[in-house]
Protein backbone atom coordinates (compact mmCIF):
# COMPACT_ATOMS: atom_id res chain seq x y z
CA MET A 1 0.36 6.44 -15.64
CA THR A 2 -0.13 3.38 -13.43
CA PHE A 3 2.71 1.98 -12.08
CA ALA A 4 2.96 -1.04 -14.33
CA GLU A 5 2.93 1.53 -17.42
CA PHE A 6 5.93 2.85 -15.62
CA GLN A 7 7.66 -0.03 -15.59
CA LYS A 8 7.12 -1.28 -19.33
CA THR A 9 8.02 2.79 -20.08
CA LEU A 10 11.75 2.14 -18.22
CA ALA A 11 11.75 -1.17 -20.30
CA ALA A 12 11.14 0.29 -23.69
CA GLY A 13 14.24 2.67 -23.10
CA THR A 14 12.26 5.90 -22.36
CA VAL A 15 13.46 7.80 -19.14
CA PRO A 16 11.46 11.21 -18.76
CA PRO A 17 13.89 14.03 -17.25
CA VAL A 18 10.90 14.37 -14.57
CA VAL A 19 9.44 11.57 -12.74
CA LEU A 20 7.01 12.02 -10.64
CA PHE A 21 5.84 9.26 -8.00
CA HIS A 22 2.64 10.28 -6.38
CA GLY A 23 0.38 8.30 -3.62
CA SER A 24 -0.30 6.65 -0.55
CA GLU A 25 1.53 3.42 -0.79
CA PRO A 26 5.49 4.28 -0.04
CA TYR A 27 6.98 0.80 -1.03
CA LEU A 28 6.15 1.60 -4.63
CA ALA A 29 7.41 5.03 -4.96
CA SER A 30 10.52 3.46 -3.23
CA LEU A 31 10.96 0.64 -6.05
CA GLY A 32 9.95 3.46 -8.51
CA VAL A 33 13.47 5.07 -7.56
CA ALA A 34 15.32 1.40 -7.19
CA LEU A 35 14.24 1.21 -10.93
CA LEU A 36 15.26 4.37 -12.01
CA ARG A 37 18.79 3.60 -10.24
CA LYS A 38 19.52 0.03 -11.54
CA ARG A 39 18.55 2.22 -15.16
CA LEU A 40 20.90 4.92 -15.07
CA ILE A 41 23.33 4.78 -12.49
CA ALA A 42 25.98 2.88 -13.42
CA PRO A 43 27.63 0.18 -10.86
CA GLY A 44 29.70 2.33 -8.18
CA SER A 45 29.12 5.12 -9.36
CA ASP A 46 26.35 6.83 -6.61
CA ALA A 47 28.63 8.79 -5.46
CA PHE A 48 29.28 10.90 -8.02
CA ASP A 49 25.76 10.24 -10.15
CA PHE A 50 23.10 10.56 -7.53
CA VAL A 51 21.60 12.52 -5.11
CA SER A 52 18.71 11.80 -2.59
CA LEU A 53 17.34 15.07 -0.65
CA THR A 54 14.16 16.08 0.86
CA GLY A 55 11.43 19.02 0.20
CA ARG A 56 11.90 19.99 4.29
CA ASP A 57 15.34 20.81 4.04
CA ALA A 58 16.14 21.30 0.24
CA THR A 59 15.88 24.38 -1.86
CA ALA A 60 14.83 24.58 -5.37
CA GLU A 61 18.31 25.97 -6.54
CA ALA A 62 19.85 23.67 -4.55
CA ILE A 63 18.18 20.72 -6.76
CA ALA A 64 18.68 22.76 -10.02
CA ALA A 65 22.66 22.59 -9.54
CA HIS A 66 22.78 18.83 -8.33
CA THR A 67 20.42 18.61 -11.67
CA SER A 68 22.67 20.77 -13.83
CA THR A 69 25.64 18.99 -12.60
CA ALA A 70 26.93 16.46 -15.74
CA PRO A 71 27.02 13.05 -14.89
CA MET A 72 30.48 11.42 -14.37
CA LEU A 73 30.19 7.95 -15.08
CA SER A 74 26.44 7.30 -15.64
CA GLU A 75 24.42 7.82 -18.48
CA ARG A 76 22.48 11.11 -16.81
CA ARG A 77 22.68 11.19 -13.24
CA LEU A 78 19.55 11.28 -10.95
CA THR A 79 18.61 13.66 -8.09
CA VAL A 80 15.61 12.59 -6.06
CA VAL A 81 13.72 14.50 -3.82
CA TYR A 82 11.74 13.46 -1.37
CA GLU A 83 8.61 15.02 -0.26
CA PHE A 84 9.46 17.87 -2.42
CA ASP A 85 5.64 19.74 -2.09
CA ALA A 86 7.23 20.57 1.42
CA LEU A 87 8.64 23.18 -0.26
CA THR A 88 7.95 26.83 0.92
CA PRO A 89 5.47 28.55 -1.55
CA SER A 90 8.18 31.10 -3.54
CA GLN A 91 10.53 27.57 -3.69
CA ARG A 92 7.48 26.09 -5.10
CA THR A 93 7.70 28.72 -7.83
CA LYS A 94 11.34 28.35 -8.57
CA LEU A 95 11.18 24.39 -9.09
CA VAL A 96 8.29 24.74 -11.37
CA GLY A 97 10.31 26.96 -13.43
CA TYR A 98 13.14 23.98 -13.53
CA LEU A 99 10.62 21.64 -14.93
CA ASP A 100 10.05 24.11 -17.98
CA ARG A 101 13.31 23.50 -18.69
CA PRO A 102 14.32 20.11 -17.39
CA VAL A 103 18.49 20.00 -18.13
CA PRO A 104 18.62 16.73 -20.64
CA SER A 105 21.76 15.18 -19.57
CA SER A 106 19.84 14.22 -15.80
CA CYS A 107 16.38 12.79 -14.35
CA LEU A 108 14.63 14.30 -11.59
CA ALA A 109 12.32 11.91 -9.58
CA LEU A 110 10.02 14.06 -7.16
CA VAL A 111 8.39 12.02 -4.33
CA SER A 112 5.10 12.61 -2.77
CA PHE A 113 3.60 10.18 -0.60
CA GLU A 114 0.12 11.67 -0.83
CA THR A 115 -1.65 11.61 -4.17
CA LEU A 116 -2.07 14.91 -6.27
CA SER A 117 -5.20 15.74 -7.50
CA ARG A 118 -5.15 18.93 -8.97
CA GLY A 119 -6.62 20.65 -5.87
CA THR A 120 -3.88 23.54 -6.45
CA ARG A 121 -2.38 25.58 -9.25
CA PHE A 122 0.94 24.06 -7.85
CA GLU A 123 0.12 20.56 -7.93
CA ARG A 124 -1.78 21.53 -11.55
CA ASP A 125 1.76 22.91 -12.85
CA VAL A 126 3.73 19.96 -11.62
CA LEU A 127 1.32 17.21 -12.85
CA SER A 128 1.05 19.32 -16.43
CA ARG A 129 4.72 19.23 -16.70
CA CYS A 130 6.30 15.32 -15.48
CA ALA A 131 5.58 11.89 -16.14
CA ALA A 132 2.92 11.07 -13.19
CA VAL A 133 3.33 7.81 -11.73
CA GLU A 134 0.47 6.80 -9.78
CA CYS A 135 1.89 4.97 -6.35
CA GLY A 136 -2.08 4.22 -4.87
CA ARG A 137 -2.93 1.01 -3.22
CA VAL A 138 -3.08 -2.32 -5.43
CA SER A 139 -4.87 -5.78 -5.42
CA GLY A 140 -5.72 -8.55 -7.02
CA LYS A 141 -3.32 -10.20 -9.52
CA THR A 142 -0.96 -7.11 -8.97
CA LEU A 143 -0.93 -7.29 -5.68
CA ASP A 144 0.44 -11.00 -5.77
CA ALA A 145 2.99 -10.21 -8.38
CA LEU A 146 4.09 -7.43 -6.12
CA VAL A 147 4.34 -9.56 -3.21
CA GLY A 148 5.67 -12.37 -5.07
CA ARG A 149 8.29 -10.43 -6.55
CA MET A 150 9.14 -8.82 -2.26
CA ALA A 151 9.90 -12.51 -0.77
CA ARG A 152 12.18 -13.33 -4.15
CA GLU A 153 14.29 -9.92 -3.21
CA ARG A 154 14.71 -11.26 0.20
CA GLY A 155 15.67 -14.95 -1.21
CA ARG A 156 12.80 -16.79 -0.54
CA ASP A 157 9.56 -17.83 -2.51
CA ALA A 158 6.35 -18.09 -1.85
CA ASP A 159 3.05 -20.03 -2.36
CA ASP A 160 -0.05 -18.77 -3.38
CA ALA A 161 -1.72 -19.25 -0.28
CA ALA A 162 1.28 -17.72 1.81
CA VAL A 163 1.01 -14.63 -0.68
CA ALA A 164 -3.43 -14.30 0.20
CA ALA A 165 -2.38 -15.00 3.94
CA LEU A 166 0.31 -11.76 4.04
CA VAL A 167 -2.04 -9.67 2.34
CA GLU A 168 -5.36 -10.30 4.57
CA VAL A 169 -2.78 -10.14 7.67
CA ALA A 170 -1.43 -6.73 5.92
CA ASP A 171 -4.96 -5.86 4.86
CA GLY A 172 -3.04 -4.94 1.22
CA SER A 173 -0.46 -2.65 2.93
CA LEU A 174 2.86 -3.05 1.14
CA GLY A 175 4.84 -1.52 4.00
CA ARG A 176 3.02 -4.11 6.59
CA ILE A 177 3.66 -7.26 3.80
CA ALA A 178 7.36 -5.84 3.51
CA ASN A 179 7.55 -6.11 7.35
CA GLU A 180 6.09 -9.06 7.64
CA LEU A 181 8.60 -10.82 5.36
CA ASP A 182 11.20 -9.48 7.13
CA LYS A 183 10.57 -11.40 9.64
CA LEU A 184 9.93 -14.75 7.71
CA ALA A 185 13.37 -14.34 5.91
CA CYS A 186 14.39 -14.99 9.62
CA PHE A 187 11.94 -17.65 9.88
CA VAL A 188 12.59 -19.62 6.94
CA PRO A 189 15.27 -21.25 6.53
CA ASP A 190 17.17 -21.20 3.63
CA GLY A 191 16.02 -22.65 0.71
CA MET A 192 12.80 -23.07 2.08
CA PRO A 193 9.60 -21.48 0.32
CA ILE A 194 7.32 -19.58 2.42
CA GLY A 195 3.89 -21.36 3.36
CA ARG A 196 0.69 -20.23 4.53
CA ARG A 197 1.47 -22.08 7.60
CA ASP A 198 4.76 -19.99 7.81
CA VAL A 199 3.09 -16.70 7.89
CA GLU A 200 0.37 -17.46 10.69
CA GLU A 201 3.20 -18.36 13.08
CA ALA A 202 5.51 -15.55 12.51
CA VAL A 203 3.07 -13.20 12.59
CA GLY A 204 1.39 -14.78 15.31
CA VAL A 205 -2.67 -15.18 14.53
CA ARG A 206 -3.70 -17.55 12.12
CA ALA A 207 -4.92 -15.27 8.95
CA SER A 208 -8.13 -17.37 8.91
CA GLY A 209 -8.89 -16.19 12.02
CA VAL A 210 -9.99 -12.62 11.41
CA ARG A 211 -12.29 -14.15 8.17
CA ASP A 212 -13.85 -16.49 10.94
CA VAL A 213 -15.34 -13.45 12.99
CA ALA A 214 -16.33 -11.87 9.58
CA VAL A 215 -18.35 -14.83 8.95
CA ALA A 216 -19.59 -15.43 12.16
CA VAL A 217 -20.56 -10.74 11.65
CA ALA A 218 -22.05 -11.77 8.19
CA GLY A 219 -24.29 -14.62 9.60
CA GLY A 220 -25.39 -12.48 12.54
CA ASP A 221 -24.03 -14.56 14.89
CA LEU A 222 -22.81 -11.59 17.76
CA GLY A 223 -21.64 -14.52 20.39
CA ARG A 224 -19.64 -16.10 18.15
CA ALA A 225 -18.00 -13.36 17.07
CA LEU A 226 -17.19 -12.16 20.03
CA THR A 227 -15.41 -15.28 21.21
CA LEU A 228 -13.57 -15.48 18.04
CA ALA A 229 -12.31 -11.76 18.54
CA GLU A 230 -11.69 -12.27 22.10
CA GLY A 231 -9.45 -15.07 21.43
CA LEU A 232 -7.53 -13.14 18.58
CA LEU A 233 -6.93 -10.19 21.15
CA ASP A 234 -5.60 -13.09 23.51
CA GLN A 235 -3.00 -13.98 20.83
CA GLY A 236 -1.87 -10.62 20.90
CA VAL A 237 -3.30 -8.72 17.66
CA GLU A 238 -3.55 -5.50 18.50
CA ALA A 239 -7.55 -3.70 18.22
CA ALA A 240 -6.32 -1.67 15.79
CA GLN A 241 -5.24 -4.52 13.39
CA LEU A 242 -8.10 -6.44 14.01
CA VAL A 243 -10.39 -3.70 12.89
CA SER A 244 -8.31 -2.70 10.01
CA GLN A 245 -8.40 -6.39 8.69
CA MET A 246 -11.93 -6.56 9.38
CA TRP A 247 -12.70 -3.09 7.55
CA SER A 248 -11.28 -5.78 4.61
CA HIS A 249 -13.74 -7.82 5.04
CA TRP A 250 -16.59 -5.76 5.48
CA VAL A 251 -15.98 -3.89 1.66
CA GLY A 252 -15.39 -7.55 0.31
CA LEU A 253 -18.85 -8.42 1.63
CA TRP A 254 -20.97 -5.23 -0.02
CA SER A 255 -18.69 -6.09 -2.95
CA ALA A 256 -19.67 -9.72 -2.82
CA ARG A 257 -23.19 -8.04 -2.58
CA VAL A 258 -22.97 -5.61 -5.88
CA GLY A 259 -20.81 -7.96 -8.02
CA ALA A 260 -17.79 -5.82 -7.79
CA GLY A 261 -16.22 -8.80 -6.10
CA ALA A 262 -16.88 -11.72 -8.45
CA SER A 263 -14.12 -11.85 -10.22
CA PRO A 264 -10.98 -12.91 -9.41
CA GLY A 265 -9.15 -10.69 -7.27
CA GLY A 266 -12.00 -8.26 -6.93
CA PRO A 267 -12.62 -6.52 -3.77
CA GLY A 268 -14.90 -9.56 -2.42
CA ARG A 269 -11.85 -12.17 -2.81
CA VAL A 270 -11.23 -12.11 0.35
CA TRP A 271 -14.25 -13.71 0.09
CA ASP A 272 -12.56 -16.68 -1.71
CA GLY A 273 -13.39 -20.00 -0.24
CA VAL A 274 -16.60 -19.14 1.46
CA ALA A 275 -19.64 -21.14 0.20
CA ASN A 276 -22.42 -18.92 1.05
CA ALA A 277 -20.57 -15.43 0.74
CA ALA A 278 -23.15 -14.19 -1.56
CA GLU A 279 -25.80 -15.45 0.39
CA LEU A 280 -24.54 -13.53 3.57
CA ALA A 281 -23.56 -10.54 1.21
CA ARG A 282 -27.18 -9.89 0.19
CA ARG A 283 -28.65 -10.10 3.66
CA ARG A 284 -27.58 -6.46 4.11
CA THR A 285 -29.08 -3.18 2.60
CA SER A 286 -27.32 -0.33 1.08
CA ARG A 287 -27.93 1.67 4.10
CA GLU A 288 -27.06 -1.07 6.45
CA TYR A 289 -23.41 -1.83 4.84
CA ALA A 290 -23.01 2.18 4.87
CA ALA A 291 -23.86 2.10 8.45
CA GLY A 292 -21.39 -0.62 9.19
CA VAL A 293 -18.86 2.04 7.47
CA ARG A 294 -19.47 5.09 10.13
CA SER A 295 -19.34 2.10 12.75
CA PHE A 296 -15.57 1.49 11.48
CA LEU A 297 -14.79 5.17 11.55
CA ARG A 298 -16.06 5.61 15.02
CA ALA A 299 -14.08 2.61 16.44
CA ASP A 300 -10.68 3.74 14.51
CA VAL A 301 -11.00 7.50 15.94
CA ASP A 302 -11.55 5.54 19.38
CA ILE A 303 -8.92 3.45 19.42
CA ARG A 304 -6.61 6.83 18.44
CA LYS A 305 -7.93 8.13 21.27
CA GLY A 306 -6.58 5.63 23.64
CA ALA A 307 -9.87 3.96 24.21
CA ALA A 308 -9.92 0.21 25.51
CA GLY A 309 -8.94 -2.03 22.38
CA SER A 310 -11.75 -4.92 23.80
CA ALA A 311 -14.56 -2.86 24.13
CA THR A 312 -14.35 -1.09 20.99
CA VAL A 313 -14.22 -4.28 18.95
CA ALA A 314 -16.98 -5.42 20.66
CA GLY A 315 -18.68 -2.51 20.40
CA LEU A 316 -18.31 -2.96 16.67
CA LEU A 317 -19.11 -6.48 16.68
CA TYR A 318 -22.10 -5.62 17.72
CA ASP A 319 -22.73 -2.74 15.39
CA LEU A 320 -22.16 -4.64 12.36
CA THR A 321 -24.17 -7.94 13.36
CA ARG A 322 -27.65 -5.96 13.81
CA GLY A 323 -27.77 -5.77 10.47
CA ALA A 324 -28.12 -9.60 9.28
CA SER A 325 -31.57 -10.95 9.31
């Protein structure tokens, strides 16, 4: 089920005996656990009715012992096992045995920071026995709503422009957005909403700056793209961050070409407000977009290996601008 479907299930009063959170967005898994705690655990009873374990240290016997303990003050006992897939093979077999006969007075939440794909027997066994909640990357209105919620959790409101800027700067990563919101909670005075200018000042880079580079790349203007990128790097933007944000624009440009970004919140949303985005998108063939993907991969690998950031970015921009006609 999607995370939104999981929320609806909880709102309807249904809590499965075993819930699996899996995917590449740790924030969503953490939010899911928080929602379970709020739903099941009575205030002040965490010490009695809640326990958090890790598959790197726990055993299946310990997990079963915790889940078999009767709740003291709460509706049900909650046991969370992070990285449960780190259990040894023999322990995995025993865990599956518990999943066949879960304790009704308990809820077991299993958390994996990778997407389980039924590629192994263990994954198939777990997925078939749990209420599986997908915690992958989100986009569009769902992402905007989550960012707004994250801001409110920090006692702040964020207008639409600020949300869009946060999404752009953090490349849609909820973890990175959470870090930026922590900064903004200190940066913005109490009682004041977060605006786009606040994001740009607190993050230390104009959110629109990367899009300016992307527009220059899309138009084949290598000189302007290099000048703008150099300016961002001089402002303190890390090369890896710039490459990551440029990747979002590259995917958005391709999406605008094939029509996937035409609807509000689609993959091409990073090009909203660029009047000639569709025209720029059509300047390249599918093969040229694929070549761009390989260029991004090389740049990412080079940066991870310690190559000079400015030279790597310049090489990437050269590759990307060559296809524009």
